[in-house]
């Protein structure tokens, strides 16, 4: 992880850049050739604390196409699942 202020938009380097307050960030990576391109899939994990010591409670895998389209390939929330209506319910 890098401070968001370190991102050079004219020559971005691969990596995750986060604002000091974690309110925003940019993940620089490869563009996907198609929405389910395994070679360009990134994972974003939500944690229960900002210091990195908390547990993971949710994550999703996603791809980004060169036109900016984002596809969520897979998502998981600990102790929850989606029902037939698409609503989150406790497992």
PDB file of N, CA and C in Angstrom:
ATOM      1  N   UNK A   1       0.837  -1.176   0.000  1.00  0.00           N
ATOM      2  CA  UNK A   1       0.000   0.000   0.000  1.00  0.00           C
ATOM      3  C   UNK A   1       0.885   1.242   0.000  1.00  0.00           C
ATOM      4  N   UNK A   2       0.358   2.253  -0.678  1.00  0.00           N
ATOM      5  CA  UNK A   2       1.068   3.519  -0.777  1.00  0.00           C
ATOM      6  C   UNK A   2       0.107   4.653  -0.451  1.00  0.00           C
ATOM      7  N   UNK A   3       0.636   5.774   0.023  1.00  0.00           N
ATOM      8  CA  UNK A   3      -0.228   6.941   0.238  1.00  0.00           C
ATOM      9  C   UNK A   3      -0.798   7.426  -1.101  1.00  0.00           C
ATOM     10  N   UNK A   4      -2.045   7.821  -1.107  1.00  0.00           N
ATOM     11  CA  UNK A   4      -2.694   8.305  -2.316  1.00  0.00           C
ATOM     12  C   UNK A   4      -1.929   9.487  -2.912  1.00  0.00           C
ATOM     13  N   UNK A   5      -1.318  10.286  -2.081  1.00  0.00           N
ATOM     14  CA  UNK A   5      -0.563  11.449  -2.553  1.00  0.00           C
ATOM     15  C   UNK A   5       0.650  11.043  -3.400  1.00  0.00           C
ATOM     16  N   UNK A   6       1.123   9.795  -3.262  1.00  0.00           N
ATOM     17  CA  UNK A   6       2.285   9.323  -4.024  1.00  0.00           C
ATOM     18  C   UNK A   6       1.935   8.868  -5.442  1.00  0.00           C
ATOM     19  N   UNK A   7       0.652   8.790  -5.772  1.00  0.00           N
ATOM     20  CA  UNK A   7       0.243   8.332  -7.101  1.00  0.00           C
ATOM     21  C   UNK A   7       0.605   9.372  -8.156  1.00  0.00           C
ATOM     22  N   UNK A   8       1.383   8.949  -9.139  1.00  0.00           N
ATOM     23  CA  UNK A   8       1.740   9.807 -10.268  1.00  0.00           C
ATOM     24  C   UNK A   8       0.805   9.425 -11.408  1.00  0.00           C
ATOM     25  N   UNK A   9      -0.240  10.204 -11.627  1.00  0.00           N
ATOM     26  CA  UNK A   9      -1.262   9.851 -12.620  1.00  0.00           C
ATOM     27  C   UNK A   9      -0.731   9.851 -14.046  1.00  0.00           C
ATOM     28  N   UNK A  10       0.343  10.579 -14.321  1.00  0.00           N
ATOM     29  CA  UNK A  10       0.887  10.591 -15.677  1.00  0.00           C
ATOM     30  C   UNK A  10       1.761   9.363 -15.950  1.00  0.00           C
ATOM     31  N   UNK A  11       2.231   8.700 -14.908  1.00  0.00           N
ATOM     32  CA  UNK A  11       3.025   7.470 -15.053  1.00  0.00           C
ATOM     33  C   UNK A  11       2.755   6.573 -13.848  1.00  0.00           C
ATOM     34  N   UNK A  12       1.515   6.055 -13.725  1.00  0.00           N
ATOM     35  CA  UNK A  12       1.158   5.273 -12.537  1.00  0.00           C
ATOM     36  C   UNK A  12       1.919   3.946 -12.468  1.00  0.00           C
ATOM     37  N   UNK A  13       2.314   3.569 -11.263  1.00  0.00           N
ATOM     38  CA  UNK A  13       2.950   2.286 -11.025  1.00  0.00           C
ATOM     39  C   UNK A  13       1.942   1.376 -10.331  1.00  0.00           C
ATOM     40  N   UNK A  14       2.010   0.087 -10.625  1.00  0.00           N
ATOM     41  CA  UNK A  14       1.098  -0.894 -10.055  1.00  0.00           C
ATOM     42  C   UNK A  14       1.120  -0.832  -8.535  1.00  0.00           C
ATOM     43  N   UNK A  15      -0.061  -0.895  -7.933  1.00  0.00           N
ATOM     44  CA  UNK A  15      -0.173  -0.927  -6.482  1.00  0.00           C
ATOM     45  C   UNK A  15      -1.450  -0.289  -5.995  1.00  0.00           C
ATOM     46  N   UNK A  16      -1.678  -0.404  -4.703  1.00  0.00           N
ATOM     47  CA  UNK A  16      -2.856   0.159  -4.046  1.00  0.00           C
ATOM     48  C   UNK A  16      -2.459   1.454  -3.360  1.00  0.00           C
ATOM     49  N   UNK A  17      -3.137   2.535  -3.705  1.00  0.00           N
ATOM     50  CA  UNK A  17      -2.888   3.856  -3.148  1.00  0.00           C
ATOM     51  C   UNK A  17      -4.113   4.272  -2.336  1.00  0.00           C
ATOM     52  N   UNK A  18      -3.918   4.544  -1.043  1.00  0.00           N
ATOM     53  CA  UNK A  18      -5.030   4.887  -0.161  1.00  0.00           C
ATOM     54  C   UNK A  18      -4.847   6.253   0.472  1.00  0.00           C
ATOM     55  N   UNK A  19      -5.976   6.963   0.627  1.00  0.00           N
ATOM     56  CA  UNK A  19      -5.975   8.228   1.357  1.00  0.00           C
ATOM     57  C   UNK A  19      -5.684   7.939   2.828  1.00  0.00           C
ATOM     58  N   UNK A  20      -5.125   8.901   3.528  1.00  0.00           N
ATOM     59  CA  UNK A  20      -4.756   8.728   4.932  1.00  0.00           C
ATOM     60  C   UNK A  20      -5.938   8.320   5.802  1.00  0.00           C
ATOM     61  N   UNK A  21      -7.136   8.808   5.468  1.00  0.00           N
ATOM     62  CA  UNK A  21      -8.324   8.483   6.261  1.00  0.00           C
ATOM     63  C   UNK A  21      -9.061   7.249   5.731  1.00  0.00           C
ATOM     64  N   UNK A  22      -8.498   6.580   4.720  1.00  0.00           N
ATOM     65  CA  UNK A  22      -9.072   5.388   4.090  1.00  0.00           C
ATOM     66  C   UNK A  22     -10.419   5.649   3.418  1.00  0.00           C
ATOM     67  N   UNK A  23     -10.765   6.914   3.189  1.00  0.00           N
ATOM     68  CA  UNK A  23     -12.043   7.252   2.568  1.00  0.00           C
ATOM     69  C   UNK A  23     -12.037   7.024   1.064  1.00  0.00           C
ATOM     70  N   UNK A  24     -10.849   6.988   0.461  1.00  0.00           N
ATOM     71  CA  UNK A  24     -10.764   6.748  -0.979  1.00  0.00           C
ATOM     72  C   UNK A  24      -9.437   6.084  -1.307  1.00  0.00           C
ATOM     73  N   UNK A  25      -9.407   5.489  -2.473  1.00  0.00           N
ATOM     74  CA  UNK A  25      -8.180   4.840  -2.905  1.00  0.00           C
ATOM     75  C   UNK A  25      -8.240   4.492  -4.377  1.00  0.00           C
ATOM     76  N   UNK A  26      -7.079   4.146  -4.915  1.00  0.00           N
ATOM     77  CA  UNK A  26      -6.968   3.739  -6.317  1.00  0.00           C
ATOM     78  C   UNK A  26      -6.078   2.508  -6.365  1.00  0.00           C
ATOM     79  N   UNK A  27      -6.546   1.464  -7.044  1.00  0.00           N
ATOM     80  CA  UNK A  27      -5.762   0.251  -7.228  1.00  0.00           C
ATOM     81  C   UNK A  27      -5.309   0.215  -8.682  1.00  0.00           C
ATOM     82  N   UNK A  28      -4.027   0.410  -8.920  1.00  0.00           N
ATOM     83  CA  UNK A  28      -3.480   0.427 -10.272  1.00  0.00           C
ATOM     84  C   UNK A  28      -3.073  -0.998 -10.634  1.00  0.00           C
ATOM     85  N   UNK A  29      -3.627  -1.499 -11.729  1.00  0.00           N
ATOM     86  CA  UNK A  29      -3.319  -2.851 -12.181  1.00  0.00           C
ATOM     87  C   UNK A  29      -3.508  -2.962 -13.676  1.00  0.00           C
ATOM     88  N   UNK A  30      -3.529  -4.185 -14.161  1.00  0.00           N
ATOM     89  CA  UNK A  30      -3.699  -4.441 -15.590  1.00  0.00           C
ATOM     90  C   UNK A  30      -5.167  -4.382 -15.978  1.00  0.00           C
ATOM     91  N   UNK A  31      -5.430  -3.914 -17.197  1.00  0.00           N
ATOM     92  CA  UNK A  31      -6.795  -3.952 -17.724  1.00  0.00           C
ATOM     93  C   UNK A  31      -7.101  -5.369 -18.177  1.00  0.00           C
ATOM     94  N   UNK A  32      -8.324  -5.781 -18.003  1.00  0.00           N
ATOM     95  CA  UNK A  32      -8.748  -7.121 -18.391  1.00  0.00           C
ATOM     96  C   UNK A  32      -9.078  -7.166 -19.880  1.00  0.00           C
ATOM     97  N   UNK A  33      -8.822  -8.315 -20.505  1.00  0.00           N
ATOM     98  CA  UNK A  33      -9.169  -8.510 -21.908  1.00  0.00           C
ATOM     99  C   UNK A  33     -10.665  -8.758 -22.063  1.00  0.00           C
ATOM    100  N   UNK A  34     -11.278  -9.336 -21.014  1.00  0.00           N
ATOM    101  CA  UNK A  34     -12.724  -9.585 -20.990  1.00  0.00           C
ATOM    102  C   UNK A  34     -13.156  -9.548 -19.528  1.00  0.00           C
ATOM    103  N   UNK A  35     -14.462  -9.484 -19.251  1.00  0.00           N
ATOM    104  CA  UNK A  35     -14.928  -9.324 -17.876  1.00  0.00           C
ATOM    105  C   UNK A  35     -14.499 -10.424 -16.891  1.00  0.00           C
ATOM    106  N   UNK A  36     -14.207 -11.612 -17.364  1.00  0.00           N
ATOM    107  CA  UNK A  36     -13.811 -12.694 -16.459  1.00  0.00           C
ATOM    108  C   UNK A  36     -12.359 -13.127 -16.687  1.00  0.00           C
ATOM    109  N   UNK A  37     -11.513 -12.218 -17.118  1.00  0.00           N
ATOM    110  CA  UNK A  37     -10.104 -12.478 -17.393  1.00  0.00           C
ATOM    111  C   UNK A  37      -9.361 -12.817 -16.099  1.00  0.00           C
ATOM    112  N   UNK A  38      -8.999 -14.101 -15.932  1.00  0.00           N
ATOM    113  CA  UNK A  38      -8.312 -14.533 -14.712  1.00  0.00           C
ATOM    114  C   UNK A  38      -6.956 -13.856 -14.519  1.00  0.00           C
ATOM    115  N   UNK A  39      -6.294 -13.477 -15.606  1.00  0.00           N
ATOM    116  CA  UNK A  39      -4.979 -12.858 -15.502  1.00  0.00           C
ATOM    117  C   UNK A  39      -5.037 -11.412 -15.009  1.00  0.00           C
ATOM    118  N   UNK A  40      -6.203 -10.801 -15.023  1.00  0.00           N
ATOM    119  CA  UNK A  40      -6.332  -9.402 -14.606  1.00  0.00           C
ATOM    120  C   UNK A  40      -7.315  -9.233 -13.447  1.00  0.00           C
ATOM    121  N   UNK A  41      -7.650 -10.319 -12.766  1.00  0.00           N
ATOM    122  CA  UNK A  41      -8.584 -10.247 -11.644  1.00  0.00           C
ATOM    123  C   UNK A  41      -7.866  -9.711 -10.406  1.00  0.00           C
ATOM    124  N   UNK A  42      -8.476  -8.765  -9.749  1.00  0.00           N
ATOM    125  CA  UNK A  42      -7.968  -8.186  -8.508  1.00  0.00           C
ATOM    126  C   UNK A  42      -8.930  -8.568  -7.382  1.00  0.00           C
ATOM    127  N   UNK A  43      -8.425  -8.590  -6.162  1.00  0.00           N
ATOM    128  CA  UNK A  43      -9.252  -8.885  -4.985  1.00  0.00           C
ATOM    129  C   UNK A  43      -9.215  -7.691  -4.051  1.00  0.00           C
ATOM    130  N   UNK A  44     -10.387  -7.297  -3.564  1.00  0.00           N
ATOM    131  CA  UNK A  44     -10.478  -6.240  -2.565  1.00  0.00           C
ATOM    132  C   UNK A  44     -11.064  -6.850  -1.307  1.00  0.00           C
ATOM    133  N   UNK A  45     -10.396  -6.643  -0.167  1.00  0.00           N
ATOM    134  CA  UNK A  45     -10.817  -7.232   1.100  1.00  0.00           C
ATOM    135  C   UNK A  45     -11.206  -6.133   2.080  1.00  0.00           C
ATOM    136  N   UNK A  46     -12.351  -6.300   2.708  1.00  0.00           N
ATOM    137  CA  UNK A  46     -12.800  -5.394   3.762  1.00  0.00           C
ATOM    138  C   UNK A  46     -12.370  -5.993   5.095  1.00  0.00           C
ATOM    139  N   UNK A  47     -11.755  -5.164   5.942  1.00  0.00           N
ATOM    140  CA  UNK A  47     -11.297  -5.618   7.256  1.00  0.00           C
ATOM    141  C   UNK A  47     -12.087  -4.905   8.348  1.00  0.00           C
ATOM    142  N   UNK A  48     -12.058  -5.472   9.548  1.00  0.00           N
ATOM    143  CA  UNK A  48     -12.802  -4.883  10.656  1.00  0.00           C
ATOM    144  C   UNK A  48     -12.043  -3.774  11.365  1.00  0.00           C
ATOM    145  N   UNK A  49     -10.776  -3.516  10.991  1.00  0.00           N
ATOM    146  CA  UNK A  49     -10.021  -2.422  11.596  1.00  0.00           C
ATOM    147  C   UNK A  49      -9.111  -1.776  10.564  1.00  0.00           C
ATOM    148  N   UNK A  50      -8.665  -0.562  10.843  1.00  0.00           N
ATOM    149  CA  UNK A  50      -7.801   0.170   9.917  1.00  0.00           C
ATOM    150  C   UNK A  50      -6.339  -0.195  10.078  1.00  0.00           C
ATOM    151  N   UNK A  51      -5.944  -0.758  11.217  1.00  0.00           N
ATOM    152  CA  UNK A  51      -4.524  -1.023  11.458  1.00  0.00           C
ATOM    153  C   UNK A  51      -4.057  -2.346  10.857  1.00  0.00           C
ATOM    154  N   UNK A  52      -4.945  -3.075  10.187  1.00  0.00           N
ATOM    155  CA  UNK A  52      -4.572  -4.322   9.545  1.00  0.00           C
ATOM    156  C   UNK A  52      -4.596  -5.523  10.462  1.00  0.00           C
ATOM    157  N   UNK A  53      -4.922  -5.339  11.724  1.00  0.00           N
ATOM    158  CA  UNK A  53      -4.934  -6.442  12.676  1.00  0.00           C
ATOM    159  C   UNK A  53      -6.304  -7.108  12.801  1.00  0.00           C
ATOM    160  N   UNK A  54      -7.333  -6.514  12.241  1.00  0.00           N
ATOM    161  CA  UNK A  54      -8.682  -7.070  12.349  1.00  0.00           C
ATOM    162  C   UNK A  54      -8.883  -8.242  11.414  1.00  0.00           C
ATOM    163  N   UNK A  55     -10.026  -8.851  11.521  1.00  0.00           N
ATOM    164  CA  UNK A  55     -10.366  -9.995  10.674  1.00  0.00           C
ATOM    165  C   UNK A  55     -10.997  -9.528   9.365  1.00  0.00           C
ATOM    166  N   UNK A  56     -10.838 -10.332   8.327  1.00  0.00           N
ATOM    167  CA  UNK A  56     -11.529 -10.072   7.062  1.00  0.00           C
ATOM    168  C   UNK A  56     -13.002 -10.405   7.260  1.00  0.00           C
ATOM    169  N   UNK A  57     -13.890  -9.514   6.809  1.00  0.00           N
ATOM    170  CA  UNK A  57     -15.300  -9.851   6.911  1.00  0.00           C
ATOM    171  C   UNK A  57     -15.987  -9.927   5.558  1.00  0.00           C
ATOM    172  N   UNK A  58     -15.348  -9.400   4.517  1.00  0.00           N
ATOM    173  CA  UNK A  58     -15.926  -9.506   3.176  1.00  0.00           C
ATOM    174  C   UNK A  58     -14.825  -9.263   2.150  1.00  0.00           C
ATOM    175  N   UNK A  59     -15.010  -9.849   0.969  1.00  0.00           N
ATOM    176  CA  UNK A  59     -14.087  -9.573  -0.127  1.00  0.00           C
ATOM    177  C   UNK A  59     -14.781  -9.808  -1.449  1.00  0.00           C
ATOM    178  N   UNK A  60     -14.245  -9.163  -2.480  1.00  0.00           N
ATOM    179  CA  UNK A  60     -14.766  -9.416  -3.812  1.00  0.00           C
ATOM    180  C   UNK A  60     -13.630  -9.406  -4.817  1.00  0.00           C
ATOM    181  N   UNK A  61     -13.783 -10.235  -5.843  1.00  0.00           N
ATOM    182  CA  UNK A  61     -12.853 -10.283  -6.963  1.00  0.00           C
ATOM    183  C   UNK A  61     -13.484  -9.497  -8.099  1.00  0.00           C
ATOM    184  N   UNK A  62     -12.668  -8.716  -8.804  1.00  0.00           N
ATOM    185  CA  UNK A  62     -13.212  -7.870  -9.856  1.00  0.00           C
ATOM    186  C   UNK A  62     -12.204  -7.702 -10.989  1.00  0.00           C
ATOM    187  N   UNK A  63     -12.702  -7.297 -12.133  1.00  0.00           N
ATOM    188  CA  UNK A  63     -11.865  -6.932 -13.268  1.00  0.00           C
ATOM    189  C   UNK A  63     -12.283  -5.543 -13.744  1.00  0.00           C
ATOM    190  N   UNK A  64     -11.341  -4.871 -14.427  1.00  0.00           N
ATOM    191  CA  UNK A  64     -11.616  -3.563 -15.007  1.00  0.00           C
ATOM    192  C   UNK A  64     -11.181  -3.618 -16.467  1.00  0.00           C
ATOM    193  N   UNK A  65     -12.102  -3.269 -17.360  1.00  0.00           N
ATOM    194  CA  UNK A  65     -11.784  -3.207 -18.785  1.00  0.00           C
ATOM    195  C   UNK A  65     -11.185  -1.850 -19.122  1.00  0.00           C
ATOM    196  N   UNK A  66     -10.554  -1.740 -20.281  1.00  0.00           N
ATOM    197  CA  UNK A  66      -9.900  -0.484 -20.670  1.00  0.00           C
ATOM    198  C   UNK A  66     -10.883   0.676 -20.806  1.00  0.00           C
ATOM    199  N   UNK A  67     -12.187   0.378 -20.998  1.00  0.00           N
ATOM    200  CA  UNK A  67     -13.180   1.453 -21.088  1.00  0.00           C
ATOM    201  C   UNK A  67     -13.684   1.900 -19.711  1.00  0.00           C
ATOM    202  N   UNK A  68     -13.139   1.288 -18.641  1.00  0.00           N
ATOM    203  CA  UNK A  68     -13.527   1.649 -17.282  1.00  0.00           C
ATOM    204  C   UNK A  68     -14.631   0.798 -16.705  1.00  0.00           C
ATOM    205  N   UNK A  69     -15.189  -0.146 -17.485  1.00  0.00           N
ATOM    206  CA  UNK A  69     -16.240  -1.038 -16.982  1.00  0.00           C
ATOM    207  C   UNK A  69     -15.673  -1.958 -15.912  1.00  0.00           C
ATOM    208  N   UNK A  70     -16.402  -2.112 -14.827  1.00  0.00           N
ATOM    209  CA  UNK A  70     -15.987  -2.974 -13.720  1.00  0.00           C
ATOM    210  C   UNK A  70     -16.943  -4.152 -13.641  1.00  0.00           C
ATOM    211  N   UNK A  71     -16.380  -5.353 -13.498  1.00  0.00           N
ATOM    212  CA  UNK A  71     -17.176  -6.560 -13.325  1.00  0.00           C
ATOM    213  C   UNK A  71     -16.795  -7.213 -12.006  1.00  0.00           C
ATOM    214  N   UNK A  72     -17.763  -7.442 -11.129  1.00  0.00           N
ATOM    215  CA  UNK A  72     -17.516  -8.201  -9.907  1.00  0.00           C
ATOM    216  C   UNK A  72     -17.658  -9.669 -10.287  1.00  0.00           C
ATOM    217  N   UNK A  73     -16.555 -10.390 -10.200  1.00  0.00           N
ATOM    218  CA  UNK A  73     -16.510 -11.783 -10.626  1.00  0.00           C
ATOM    219  C   UNK A  73     -17.039 -12.695  -9.530  1.00  0.00           C
ATOM    220  N   UNK A  74     -16.703 -12.377  -8.286  1.00  0.00           N
ATOM    221  CA  UNK A  74     -17.127 -13.201  -7.154  1.00  0.00           C
ATOM    222  C   UNK A  74     -17.117 -12.337  -5.904  1.00  0.00           C
ATOM    223  N   UNK A  75     -18.018 -12.621  -4.962  1.00  0.00           N
ATOM    224  CA  UNK A  75     -18.058 -11.881  -3.702  1.00  0.00           C
ATOM    225  C   UNK A  75     -18.420 -12.822  -2.569  1.00  0.00           C
ATOM    226  N   UNK A  76     -17.880 -12.514  -1.391  1.00  0.00           N
ATOM    227  CA  UNK A  76     -18.168 -13.338  -0.216  1.00  0.00           C
ATOM    228  C   UNK A  76     -18.212 -12.449   1.014  1.00  0.00           C
ATOM    229  N   UNK A  77     -19.195 -12.684   1.871  1.00  0.00           N
ATOM    230  CA  UNK A  77     -19.318 -11.988   3.144  1.00  0.00           C
ATOM    231  C   UNK A  77     -19.347 -13.056   4.223  1.00  0.00           C
ATOM    232  N   UNK A  78     -18.411 -12.971   5.181  1.00  0.00           N
ATOM    233  CA  UNK A  78     -18.347 -13.966   6.249  1.00  0.00           C
ATOM    234  C   UNK A  78     -19.684 -14.074   6.985  1.00  0.00           C
ATOM    235  N   UNK A  79     -20.107 -15.295   7.213  1.00  0.00           N
ATOM    236  CA  UNK A  79     -21.314 -15.608   7.980  1.00  0.00           C
ATOM    237  C   UNK A  79     -22.615 -15.167   7.325  1.00  0.00           C
ATOM    238  N   UNK A  80     -22.568 -14.744   6.056  1.00  0.00           N
ATOM    239  CA  UNK A  80     -23.777 -14.359   5.331  1.00  0.00           C
ATOM    240  C   UNK A  80     -23.782 -14.996   3.951  1.00  0.00           C
ATOM    241  N   UNK A  81     -24.967 -15.138   3.399  1.00  0.00           N
ATOM    242  CA  UNK A  81     -25.123 -15.636   2.036  1.00  0.00           C
ATOM    243  C   UNK A  81     -26.338 -14.963   1.418  1.00  0.00           C
ATOM    244  N   UNK A  82     -26.470 -15.073   0.118  1.00  0.00           N
ATOM    245  CA  UNK A  82     -27.621 -14.484  -0.563  1.00  0.00           C
ATOM    246  C   UNK A  82     -28.722 -15.530  -0.692  1.00  0.00           C
ATOM    247  N   UNK A  83     -29.954 -15.079  -0.491  1.00  0.00           N
ATOM    248  CA  UNK A  83     -31.084 -15.982  -0.664  1.00  0.00           C
ATOM    249  C   UNK A  83     -31.550 -15.923  -2.113  1.00  0.00           C
ATOM    250  N   UNK A  84     -32.636 -16.602  -2.430  1.00  0.00           N
ATOM    251  CA  UNK A  84     -33.132 -16.662  -3.819  1.00  0.00           C
ATOM    252  C   UNK A  84     -33.563 -15.298  -4.348  1.00  0.00           C
ATOM    253  N   UNK A  85     -33.844 -14.344  -3.463  1.00  0.00           N
ATOM    254  CA  UNK A  85     -34.229 -12.996  -3.874  1.00  0.00           C
ATOM    255  C   UNK A  85     -33.029 -12.062  -4.015  1.00  0.00           C
ATOM    256  N   UNK A  86     -31.827 -12.564  -3.684  1.00  0.00           N
ATOM    257  CA  UNK A  86     -30.624 -11.735  -3.760  1.00  0.00           C
ATOM    258  C   UNK A  86     -30.355 -10.944  -2.510  1.00  0.00           C
ATOM    259  N   UNK A  87     -31.135 -11.183  -1.444  1.00  0.00           N
ATOM    260  CA  UNK A  87     -30.930 -10.481  -0.175  1.00  0.00           C
ATOM    261  C   UNK A  87     -29.896 -11.228   0.677  1.00  0.00           C
ATOM    262  N   UNK A  88     -29.115 -10.468   1.469  1.00  0.00           N
ATOM    263  CA  UNK A  88     -28.139 -11.085   2.352  1.00  0.00           C
ATOM    264  C   UNK A  88     -28.831 -11.597   3.610  1.00  0.00           C
ATOM    265  N   UNK A  89     -28.569 -12.850   3.966  1.00  0.00           N
ATOM    266  CA  UNK A  89     -29.127 -13.456   5.163  1.00  0.00           C
ATOM    267  C   UNK A  89     -27.995 -14.174   5.917  1.00  0.00           C
ATOM    268  N   UNK A  90     -28.160 -14.319   7.247  1.00  0.00           N
ATOM    269  CA  UNK A  90     -27.158 -15.036   8.040  1.00  0.00           C
ATOM    270  C   UNK A  90     -27.143 -16.505   7.635  1.00  0.00           C
ATOM    271  N   UNK A  91     -25.945 -17.086   7.604  1.00  0.00           N
ATOM    272  CA  UNK A  91     -25.817 -18.508   7.274  1.00  0.00           C
ATOM    273  C   UNK A  91     -26.335 -19.357   8.401  1.00  0.00           C
TER     274      UNK A  91
END
